[in-house]
Amino acid sequence: MGFRYVVESEAARLNLEGWVRNRRDGAVEAVVAGSDETVTAMIEACGRGPPAAAVAAVDLREAGADDLALRVEGESFSVLHTA
Protein backbone atom coordinates (compact mmCIF):
# COMPACT_ATOMS: atom_id res chain seq x y z
CA MET A 1 0.00 0.00 0.00
CA GLY A 2 1.50 3.32 -1.10
CA PHE A 3 1.68 6.59 0.74
CA ARG A 4 -0.70 8.41 -1.60
CA TYR A 5 -3.29 5.65 -1.18
CA VAL A 6 -3.06 5.93 2.60
CA VAL A 7 -3.48 9.71 2.44
CA GLU A 8 -6.43 9.40 0.04
CA SER A 9 -8.12 6.77 2.24
CA GLU A 10 -7.56 8.79 5.40
CA ALA A 11 -8.91 11.94 3.71
CA ALA A 12 -12.07 10.07 2.74
CA ARG A 13 -12.46 8.69 6.27
CA LEU A 14 -12.01 12.15 7.79
CA ASN A 15 -14.13 13.89 5.12
CA LEU A 16 -11.29 16.23 4.16
CA GLU A 17 -10.93 18.17 0.93
CA GLY A 18 -7.66 18.52 -0.94
CA TRP A 19 -5.11 16.52 -2.88
CA VAL A 20 -1.95 14.41 -2.65
CA ARG A 21 0.90 13.81 -5.12
CA ASN A 22 4.39 12.42 -5.35
CA ARG A 23 7.26 14.80 -5.93
CA ARG A 24 10.22 14.02 -8.15
CA ASP A 25 12.54 14.31 -5.14
CA GLY A 26 10.80 11.31 -3.51
CA ALA A 27 8.66 13.32 -1.10
CA VAL A 28 4.89 13.21 -0.95
CA GLU A 29 3.03 16.52 -0.93
CA ALA A 30 -0.54 17.02 0.25
CA VAL A 31 -2.97 19.87 0.78
CA VAL A 32 -5.91 19.22 3.08
CA ALA A 33 -8.80 21.35 4.27
CA GLY A 34 -11.21 20.60 7.08
CA SER A 35 -11.78 21.22 10.75
CA ASP A 36 -8.76 21.70 13.00
CA GLU A 37 -9.44 18.29 14.55
CA THR A 38 -9.56 16.39 11.26
CA VAL A 39 -6.54 18.19 9.80
CA THR A 40 -4.58 17.31 12.96
CA ALA A 41 -5.64 13.67 12.57
CA MET A 42 -4.39 13.71 8.96
CA ILE A 43 -1.05 15.20 10.00
CA GLU A 44 -0.65 12.42 12.57
CA ALA A 45 -1.54 9.79 9.95
CA CYS A 46 1.06 11.24 7.57
CA GLY A 47 3.65 11.04 10.33
CA ARG A 48 2.99 7.31 10.63
CA GLY A 49 2.61 6.58 6.93
CA PRO A 50 1.92 3.10 5.56
CA PRO A 51 3.77 0.11 7.07
CA ALA A 52 6.59 0.10 4.48
CA ALA A 53 7.21 3.87 4.62
CA ALA A 54 10.09 5.55 6.39
CA VAL A 55 8.73 9.00 7.23
CA ALA A 56 11.67 11.29 7.91
CA ALA A 57 9.64 14.45 8.55
CA VAL A 58 6.30 16.13 8.07
CA ASP A 59 6.73 19.74 7.02
CA LEU A 60 3.74 22.01 7.54
CA ARG A 61 2.73 25.31 5.99
CA GLU A 62 -0.49 27.21 5.50
CA ALA A 63 -2.09 26.61 2.12
CA GLY A 64 -4.34 28.99 0.27
CA ALA A 65 -7.32 28.68 -2.02
CA ASP A 66 -4.98 28.55 -5.04
CA ASP A 67 -3.29 25.44 -3.59
CA LEU A 68 -6.62 23.71 -2.96
CA ALA A 69 -7.78 24.59 -6.48
CA LEU A 70 -5.21 22.18 -7.96
CA ARG A 71 -7.48 19.21 -7.23
CA VAL A 72 -9.43 17.64 -10.07
CA GLU A 73 -12.64 19.54 -10.80
CA GLY A 74 -15.63 17.82 -9.24
CA GLU A 75 -13.56 15.82 -6.72
CA SER A 76 -13.37 16.66 -3.06
CA PHE A 77 -9.97 14.91 -2.78
CA SER A 78 -7.65 14.10 -5.69
CA VAL A 79 -4.54 12.07 -6.35
CA LEU A 80 -2.50 14.26 -8.68
CA HIS A 81 0.32 13.44 -11.07
CA THR A 82 3.91 13.72 -9.90
CA ALA A 83 5.22 17.29 -9.79
PDB file of N, CA and C in Angstrom:
ATOM      1  N   MET A   1       0.850  -1.171   0.000  1.00  0.00           N
ATOM      2  CA  MET A   1       0.000   0.000   0.000  1.00  0.00           C
ATOM      3  C   MET A   1       0.898   1.237   0.000  1.00  0.00           C
ATOM      4  N   GLY A   2       0.675   2.137  -0.960  1.00  0.00           N
ATOM      5  CA  GLY A   2       1.501   3.316  -1.103  1.00  0.00           C
ATOM      6  C   GLY A   2       1.050   4.479  -0.233  1.00  0.00           C
ATOM      7  N   PHE A   3       1.946   5.425  -0.108  1.00  0.00           N
ATOM      8  CA  PHE A   3       1.684   6.587   0.740  1.00  0.00           C
ATOM      9  C   PHE A   3       0.488   7.391   0.246  1.00  0.00           C
ATOM     10  N   ARG A   4       0.424   7.617  -1.077  1.00  0.00           N
ATOM     11  CA  ARG A   4      -0.698   8.409  -1.600  1.00  0.00           C
ATOM     12  C   ARG A   4      -2.031   7.715  -1.321  1.00  0.00           C
ATOM     13  N   TYR A   5      -2.059   6.391  -1.449  1.00  0.00           N
ATOM     14  CA  TYR A   5      -3.291   5.651  -1.181  1.00  0.00           C
ATOM     15  C   TYR A   5      -3.715   5.824   0.278  1.00  0.00           C
ATOM     16  N   VAL A   6      -2.754   5.753   1.180  1.00  0.00           N
ATOM     17  CA  VAL A   6      -3.061   5.925   2.603  1.00  0.00           C
ATOM     18  C   VAL A   6      -3.616   7.319   2.862  1.00  0.00           C
ATOM     19  N   VAL A   7      -2.999   8.333   2.259  1.00  0.00           N
ATOM     20  CA  VAL A   7      -3.482   9.710   2.440  1.00  0.00           C
ATOM     21  C   VAL A   7      -4.887   9.863   1.857  1.00  0.00           C
ATOM     22  N   GLU A   8      -5.106   9.315   0.663  1.00  0.00           N
ATOM     23  CA  GLU A   8      -6.431   9.400   0.042  1.00  0.00           C
ATOM     24  C   GLU A   8      -7.479   8.696   0.897  1.00  0.00           C
ATOM     25  N   SER A   9      -7.173   7.524   1.400  1.00  0.00           N
ATOM     26  CA  SER A   9      -8.119   6.770   2.238  1.00  0.00           C
ATOM     27  C   SER A   9      -8.420   7.504   3.532  1.00  0.00           C
ATOM     28  N   GLU A  10      -7.374   8.054   4.147  1.00  0.00           N
ATOM     29  CA  GLU A  10      -7.561   8.794   5.398  1.00  0.00           C
ATOM     30  C   GLU A  10      -8.373  10.067   5.159  1.00  0.00           C
ATOM     31  N   ALA A  11      -8.135  10.739   4.038  1.00  0.00           N
ATOM     32  CA  ALA A  11      -8.906  11.938   3.707  1.00  0.00           C
ATOM     33  C   ALA A  11     -10.381  11.600   3.546  1.00  0.00           C
ATOM     34  N   ALA A  12     -10.674  10.485   2.903  1.00  0.00           N
ATOM     35  CA  ALA A  12     -12.073  10.067   2.743  1.00  0.00           C
ATOM     36  C   ALA A  12     -12.696   9.749   4.103  1.00  0.00           C
ATOM     37  N   ARG A  13     -11.946   9.052   4.940  1.00  0.00           N
ATOM     38  CA  ARG A  13     -12.461   8.688   6.269  1.00  0.00           C
ATOM     39  C   ARG A  13     -12.741   9.930   7.115  1.00  0.00           C
ATOM     40  N   LEU A  14     -11.874  10.932   6.984  1.00  0.00           N
ATOM     41  CA  LEU A  14     -12.008  12.153   7.787  1.00  0.00           C
ATOM     42  C   LEU A  14     -12.861  13.223   7.108  1.00  0.00           C
ATOM     43  N   ASN A  15     -13.312  12.939   5.886  1.00  0.00           N
ATOM     44  CA  ASN A  15     -14.127  13.890   5.122  1.00  0.00           C
ATOM     45  C   ASN A  15     -13.375  15.203   4.866  1.00  0.00           C
ATOM     46  N   LEU A  16     -12.109  15.066   4.469  1.00  0.00           N
ATOM     47  CA  LEU A  16     -11.286  16.226   4.157  1.00  0.00           C
ATOM     48  C   LEU A  16     -11.333  16.526   2.668  1.00  0.00           C
ATOM     49  N   GLU A  17     -11.094  17.766   2.315  1.00  0.00           N
ATOM     50  CA  GLU A  17     -10.927  18.172   0.931  1.00  0.00           C
ATOM     51  C   GLU A  17      -9.442  18.361   0.670  1.00  0.00           C
ATOM     52  N   GLY A  18      -9.038  18.243  -0.606  1.00  0.00           N
ATOM     53  CA  GLY A  18      -7.656  18.523  -0.937  1.00  0.00           C
ATOM     54  C   GLY A  18      -7.092  17.597  -1.990  1.00  0.00           C
ATOM     55  N   TRP A  19      -5.787  17.365  -1.904  1.00  0.00           N
ATOM     56  CA  TRP A  19      -5.110  16.522  -2.878  1.00  0.00           C
ATOM     57  C   TRP A  19      -3.794  16.002  -2.309  1.00  0.00           C
ATOM     58  N   VAL A  20      -3.254  14.975  -2.992  1.00  0.00           N
ATOM     59  CA  VAL A  20      -1.953  14.409  -2.649  1.00  0.00           C
ATOM     60  C   VAL A  20      -1.232  14.079  -3.947  1.00  0.00           C
ATOM     61  N   ARG A  21       0.111  14.185  -3.942  1.00  0.00           N
ATOM     62  CA  ARG A  21       0.900  13.810  -5.115  1.00  0.00           C
ATOM     63  C   ARG A  21       2.325  13.475  -4.693  1.00  0.00           C
ATOM     64  N   ASN A  22       2.969  12.679  -5.520  1.00  0.00           N
ATOM     65  CA  ASN A  22       4.388  12.416  -5.352  1.00  0.00           C
ATOM     66  C   ASN A  22       5.159  13.596  -5.921  1.00  0.00           C
ATOM     67  N   ARG A  23       6.352  13.796  -5.380  1.00  0.00           N
ATOM     68  CA  ARG A  23       7.255  14.797  -5.932  1.00  0.00           C
ATOM     69  C   ARG A  23       8.457  14.072  -6.524  1.00  0.00           C
ATOM     70  N   ARG A  24       9.071  14.662  -7.480  1.00  0.00           N
ATOM     71  CA  ARG A  24      10.218  14.023  -8.150  1.00  0.00           C
ATOM     72  C   ARG A  24      11.376  13.755  -7.193  1.00  0.00           C
ATOM     73  N   ASP A  25      11.452  14.511  -6.095  1.00  0.00           N
ATOM     74  CA  ASP A  25      12.537  14.305  -5.136  1.00  0.00           C
ATOM     75  C   ASP A  25      12.266  13.156  -4.170  1.00  0.00           C
ATOM     76  N   GLY A  26      11.139  12.449  -4.368  1.00  0.00           N
ATOM     77  CA  GLY A  26      10.804  11.311  -3.513  1.00  0.00           C
ATOM     78  C   GLY A  26       9.852  11.640  -2.374  1.00  0.00           C
ATOM     79  N   ALA A  27       9.591  12.906  -2.158  1.00  0.00           N
ATOM     80  CA  ALA A  27       8.663  13.319  -1.103  1.00  0.00           C
ATOM     81  C   ALA A  27       7.224  13.157  -1.581  1.00  0.00           C
ATOM     82  N   VAL A  28       6.319  13.195  -0.654  1.00  0.00           N
ATOM     83  CA  VAL A  28       4.891  13.208  -0.951  1.00  0.00           C
ATOM     84  C   VAL A  28       4.366  14.544  -0.436  1.00  0.00           C
ATOM     85  N   GLU A  29       3.569  15.206  -1.256  1.00  0.00           N
ATOM     86  CA  GLU A  29       3.026  16.522  -0.926  1.00  0.00           C
ATOM     87  C   GLU A  29       1.512  16.415  -0.871  1.00  0.00           C
ATOM     88  N   ALA A  30       0.913  17.039   0.131  1.00  0.00           N
ATOM     89  CA  ALA A  30      -0.542  17.018   0.253  1.00  0.00           C
ATOM     90  C   ALA A  30      -1.047  18.373   0.731  1.00  0.00           C
ATOM     91  N   VAL A  31      -2.242  18.701   0.292  1.00  0.00           N
ATOM     92  CA  VAL A  31      -2.971  19.870   0.780  1.00  0.00           C
ATOM     93  C   VAL A  31      -4.299  19.347   1.283  1.00  0.00           C
ATOM     94  N   VAL A  32      -4.635  19.679   2.519  1.00  0.00           N
ATOM     95  CA  VAL A  32      -5.911  19.223   3.085  1.00  0.00           C
ATOM     96  C   VAL A  32      -6.635  20.396   3.719  1.00  0.00           C
ATOM     97  N   ALA A  33      -7.959  20.324   3.668  1.00  0.00           N
ATOM     98  CA  ALA A  33      -8.800  21.353   4.271  1.00  0.00           C
ATOM     99  C   ALA A  33      -9.923  20.670   5.030  1.00  0.00           C
ATOM    100  N   GLY A  34     -10.155  21.145   6.232  1.00  0.00           N
ATOM    101  CA  GLY A  34     -11.212  20.604   7.076  1.00  0.00           C
ATOM    102  C   GLY A  34     -11.144  21.269   8.428  1.00  0.00           C
ATOM    103  N   SER A  35     -11.813  20.667   9.390  1.00  0.00           N
ATOM    104  CA  SER A  35     -11.782  21.215  10.746  1.00  0.00           C
ATOM    105  C   SER A  35     -10.382  21.037  11.332  1.00  0.00           C
ATOM    106  N   ASP A  36     -10.061  21.820  12.345  1.00  0.00           N
ATOM    107  CA  ASP A  36      -8.759  21.695  13.001  1.00  0.00           C
ATOM    108  C   ASP A  36      -8.523  20.259  13.470  1.00  0.00           C
ATOM    109  N   GLU A  37      -9.552  19.651  14.020  1.00  0.00           N
ATOM    110  CA  GLU A  37      -9.436  18.289  14.553  1.00  0.00           C
ATOM    111  C   GLU A  37      -9.107  17.279  13.453  1.00  0.00           C
ATOM    112  N   THR A  38      -9.800  17.364  12.316  1.00  0.00           N
ATOM    113  CA  THR A  38      -9.563  16.386  11.261  1.00  0.00           C
ATOM    114  C   THR A  38      -8.229  16.637  10.547  1.00  0.00           C
ATOM    115  N   VAL A  39      -7.841  17.896  10.403  1.00  0.00           N
ATOM    116  CA  VAL A  39      -6.536  18.189   9.804  1.00  0.00           C
ATOM    117  C   VAL A  39      -5.421  17.669  10.711  1.00  0.00           C
ATOM    118  N   THR A  40      -5.560  17.844  12.018  1.00  0.00           N
ATOM    119  CA  THR A  40      -4.575  17.308  12.961  1.00  0.00           C
ATOM    120  C   THR A  40      -4.494  15.792  12.862  1.00  0.00           C
ATOM    121  N   ALA A  41      -5.636  15.132  12.728  1.00  0.00           N
ATOM    122  CA  ALA A  41      -5.642  13.671  12.572  1.00  0.00           C
ATOM    123  C   ALA A  41      -4.922  13.254  11.294  1.00  0.00           C
ATOM    124  N   MET A  42      -5.085  14.019  10.214  1.00  0.00           N
ATOM    125  CA  MET A  42      -4.390  13.712   8.964  1.00  0.00           C
ATOM    126  C   MET A  42      -2.883  13.912   9.118  1.00  0.00           C
ATOM    127  N   ILE A  43      -2.475  14.957   9.779  1.00  0.00           N
ATOM    128  CA  ILE A  43      -1.046  15.202  10.002  1.00  0.00           C
ATOM    129  C   ILE A  43      -0.439  14.040  10.780  1.00  0.00           C
ATOM    130  N   GLU A  44      -1.137  13.568  11.792  1.00  0.00           N
ATOM    131  CA  GLU A  44      -0.655  12.423  12.574  1.00  0.00           C
ATOM    132  C   GLU A  44      -0.566  11.172  11.706  1.00  0.00           C
ATOM    133  N   ALA A  45      -1.556  10.949  10.847  1.00  0.00           N
ATOM    134  CA  ALA A  45      -1.537   9.789   9.950  1.00  0.00           C
ATOM    135  C   ALA A  45      -0.365   9.875   8.981  1.00  0.00           C
ATOM    136  N   CYS A  46      -0.078  11.070   8.481  1.00  0.00           N
ATOM    137  CA  CYS A  46       1.056  11.243   7.568  1.00  0.00           C
ATOM    138  C   CYS A  46       2.375  10.973   8.285  1.00  0.00           C
ATOM    139  N   GLY A  47       2.446  11.311   9.547  1.00  0.00           N
ATOM    140  CA  GLY A  47       3.655  11.041  10.328  1.00  0.00           C
ATOM    141  C   GLY A  47       3.916   9.551  10.510  1.00  0.00           C
ATOM    142  N   ARG A  48       2.851   8.767  10.533  1.00  0.00           N
ATOM    143  CA  ARG A  48       2.986   7.307  10.634  1.00  0.00           C
ATOM    144  C   ARG A  48       3.252   6.698   9.265  1.00  0.00           C
ATOM    145  N   GLY A  49       2.494   7.137   8.270  1.00  0.00           N
ATOM    146  CA  GLY A  49       2.606   6.578   6.928  1.00  0.00           C
ATOM    147  C   GLY A  49       2.172   5.127   6.880  1.00  0.00           C
ATOM    148  N   PRO A  50       2.253   4.517   5.691  1.00  0.00           N
ATOM    149  CA  PRO A  50       1.922   3.098   5.560  1.00  0.00           C
ATOM    150  C   PRO A  50       3.042   2.246   6.172  1.00  0.00           C
ATOM    151  N   PRO A  51       2.784   0.961   6.398  1.00  0.00           N
ATOM    152  CA  PRO A  51       3.771   0.107   7.071  1.00  0.00           C
ATOM    153  C   PRO A  51       5.172   0.120   6.441  1.00  0.00           C
ATOM    154  N   ALA A  52       5.286   0.169   5.137  1.00  0.00           N
ATOM    155  CA  ALA A  52       6.594   0.103   4.479  1.00  0.00           C
ATOM    156  C   ALA A  52       7.284   1.458   4.364  1.00  0.00           C
ATOM    157  N   ALA A  53       6.637   2.520   4.787  1.00  0.00           N
ATOM    158  CA  ALA A  53       7.210   3.869   4.621  1.00  0.00           C
ATOM    159  C   ALA A  53       8.193   4.193   5.746  1.00  0.00           C
ATOM    160  N   ALA A  54       9.161   5.003   5.409  1.00  0.00           N
ATOM    161  CA  ALA A  54      10.094   5.555   6.389  1.00  0.00           C
ATOM    162  C   ALA A  54       9.905   7.070   6.361  1.00  0.00           C
ATOM    163  N   VAL A  55       9.030   7.568   7.209  1.00  0.00           N
ATOM    164  CA  VAL A  55       8.726   8.998   7.228  1.00  0.00           C
ATOM    165  C   VAL A  55       9.831   9.722   7.998  1.00  0.00           C
ATOM    166  N   ALA A  56      10.578  10.552   7.293  1.00  0.00           N
ATOM    167  CA  ALA A  56      11.674  11.293   7.913  1.00  0.00           C
ATOM    168  C   ALA A  56      11.170  12.561   8.591  1.00  0.00           C
ATOM    169  N   ALA A  57      10.153  13.195   8.010  1.00  0.00           N
ATOM    170  CA  ALA A  57       9.641  14.452   8.555  1.00  0.00           C
ATOM    171  C   ALA A  57       8.299  14.772   7.918  1.00  0.00           C
ATOM    172  N   VAL A  58       7.530  15.555   8.616  1.00  0.00           N
ATOM    173  CA  VAL A  58       6.297  16.126   8.074  1.00  0.00           C
ATOM    174  C   VAL A  58       6.455  17.633   8.191  1.00  0.00           C
ATOM    175  N   ASP A  59       6.584  18.288   7.054  1.00  0.00           N
ATOM    176  CA  ASP A  59       6.735  19.743   7.019  1.00  0.00           C
ATOM    177  C   ASP A  59       5.365  20.367   6.809  1.00  0.00           C
ATOM    178  N   LEU A  60       5.055  21.368   7.600  1.00  0.00           N
ATOM    179  CA  LEU A  60       3.738  22.006   7.536  1.00  0.00           C
ATOM    180  C   LEU A  60       3.868  23.452   7.087  1.00  0.00           C
ATOM    181  N   ARG A  61       2.857  23.896   6.341  1.00  0.00           N
ATOM    182  CA  ARG A  61       2.731  25.309   5.989  1.00  0.00           C
ATOM    183  C   ARG A  61       1.265  25.574   5.695  1.00  0.00           C
ATOM    184  N   GLU A  62       0.868  26.806   5.835  1.00  0.00           N
ATOM    185  CA  GLU A  62      -0.493  27.210   5.501  1.00  0.00           C
ATOM    186  C   GLU A  62      -0.670  27.163   3.988  1.00  0.00           C
ATOM    187  N   ALA A  63      -1.775  26.642   3.543  1.00  0.00           N
ATOM    188  CA  ALA A  63      -2.089  26.611   2.115  1.00  0.00           C
ATOM    189  C   ALA A  63      -3.238  27.575   1.857  1.00  0.00           C
ATOM    190  N   GLY A  64      -3.284  28.066   0.647  1.00  0.00           N
ATOM    191  CA  GLY A  64      -4.337  28.993   0.273  1.00  0.00           C
ATOM    192  C   GLY A  64      -5.324  28.369  -0.698  1.00  0.00           C
ATOM    193  N   ALA A  65      -6.293  29.146  -1.087  1.00  0.00           N
ATOM    194  CA  ALA A  65      -7.321  28.680  -2.022  1.00  0.00           C
ATOM    195  C   ALA A  65      -6.708  28.254  -3.351  1.00  0.00           C
ATOM    196  N   ASP A  66      -5.643  28.922  -3.791  1.00  0.00           N
ATOM    197  CA  ASP A  66      -4.982  28.546  -5.043  1.00  0.00           C
ATOM    198  C   ASP A  66      -4.393  27.144  -4.955  1.00  0.00           C
ATOM    199  N   ASP A  67      -3.839  26.788  -3.788  1.00  0.00           N
ATOM    200  CA  ASP A  67      -3.293  25.443  -3.587  1.00  0.00           C
ATOM    201  C   ASP A  67      -4.397  24.401  -3.657  1.00  0.00           C
ATOM    202  N   LEU A  68      -5.492  24.651  -2.988  1.00  0.00           N
ATOM    203  CA  LEU A  68      -6.618  23.715  -2.963  1.00  0.00           C
ATOM    204  C   LEU A  68      -7.230  23.563  -4.355  1.00  0.00           C
ATOM    205  N   ALA A  69      -7.174  24.600  -5.143  1.00  0.00           N
ATOM    206  CA  ALA A  69      -7.776  24.591  -6.480  1.00  0.00           C
ATOM    207  C   ALA A  69      -7.061  23.651  -7.455  1.00  0.00           C
ATOM    208  N   LEU A  70      -5.925  23.113  -7.084  1.00  0.00           N
ATOM    209  CA  LEU A  70      -5.209  22.184  -7.964  1.00  0.00           C
ATOM    210  C   LEU A  70      -5.885  20.823  -8.071  1.00  0.00           C
ATOM    211  N   ARG A  71      -6.810  20.518  -7.163  1.00  0.00           N
ATOM    212  CA  ARG A  71      -7.478  19.209  -7.231  1.00  0.00           C
ATOM    213  C   ARG A  71      -8.312  19.118  -8.509  1.00  0.00           C
ATOM    214  N   VAL A  72      -8.660  17.898  -8.862  1.00  0.00           N
ATOM    215  CA  VAL A  72      -9.434  17.639 -10.067  1.00  0.00           C
ATOM    216  C   VAL A  72     -10.842  18.202  -9.889  1.00  0.00           C
ATOM    217  N   GLU A  73     -11.315  18.935 -10.882  1.00  0.00           N
ATOM    218  CA  GLU A  73     -12.643  19.545 -10.804  1.00  0.00           C
ATOM    219  C   GLU A  73     -13.695  18.472 -10.540  1.00  0.00           C
ATOM    220  N   GLY A  74     -14.557  18.743  -9.581  1.00  0.00           N
ATOM    221  CA  GLY A  74     -15.628  17.816  -9.237  1.00  0.00           C
ATOM    222  C   GLY A  74     -15.258  16.811  -8.156  1.00  0.00           C
ATOM    223  N   GLU A  75     -13.993  16.732  -7.780  1.00  0.00           N
ATOM    224  CA  GLU A  75     -13.557  15.817  -6.721  1.00  0.00           C
ATOM    225  C   GLU A  75     -13.316  16.595  -5.437  1.00  0.00           C
ATOM    226  N   SER A  76     -13.667  16.000  -4.317  1.00  0.00           N
ATOM    227  CA  SER A  76     -13.367  16.657  -3.057  1.00  0.00           C
ATOM    228  C   SER A  76     -11.914  16.398  -2.648  1.00  0.00           C
ATOM    229  N   PHE A  77     -11.375  15.226  -3.044  1.00  0.00           N
ATOM    230  CA  PHE A  77      -9.975  14.908  -2.777  1.00  0.00           C
ATOM    231  C   PHE A  77      -9.403  14.197  -3.985  1.00  0.00           C
ATOM    232  N   SER A  78      -8.247  14.634  -4.464  1.00  0.00           N
ATOM    233  CA  SER A  78      -7.654  14.104  -5.690  1.00  0.00           C
ATOM    234  C   SER A  78      -6.267  13.541  -5.460  1.00  0.00           C
ATOM    235  N   VAL A  79      -5.919  12.545  -6.250  1.00  0.00           N
ATOM    236  CA  VAL A  79      -4.543  12.066  -6.352  1.00  0.00           C
ATOM    237  C   VAL A  79      -4.006  12.648  -7.647  1.00  0.00           C
ATOM    238  N   LEU A  80      -3.044  13.550  -7.523  1.00  0.00           N
ATOM    239  CA  LEU A  80      -2.505  14.261  -8.683  1.00  0.00           C
ATOM    240  C   LEU A  80      -1.265  13.574  -9.236  1.00  0.00           C
ATOM    241  N   HIS A  81      -0.897  13.947 -10.443  1.00  0.00           N
ATOM    242  CA  HIS A  81       0.317  13.439 -11.075  1.00  0.00           C
ATOM    243  C   HIS A  81       1.546  13.993 -10.353  1.00  0.00           C
ATOM    244  N   THR A  82       2.645  13.308 -10.487  1.00  0.00           N
ATOM    245  CA  THR A  82       3.911  13.721  -9.897  1.00  0.00           C
ATOM    246  C   THR A  82       4.300  15.116 -10.377  1.00  0.00           C
ATOM    247  N   ALA A  83       4.800  15.909  -9.463  1.00  0.00           N
ATOM    248  CA  ALA A  83       5.218  17.289  -9.786  1.00  0.00           C
ATOM    249  C   ALA A  83       6.714  17.425  -9.645  1.00  0.00           C
TER     250      ALA A  83
END
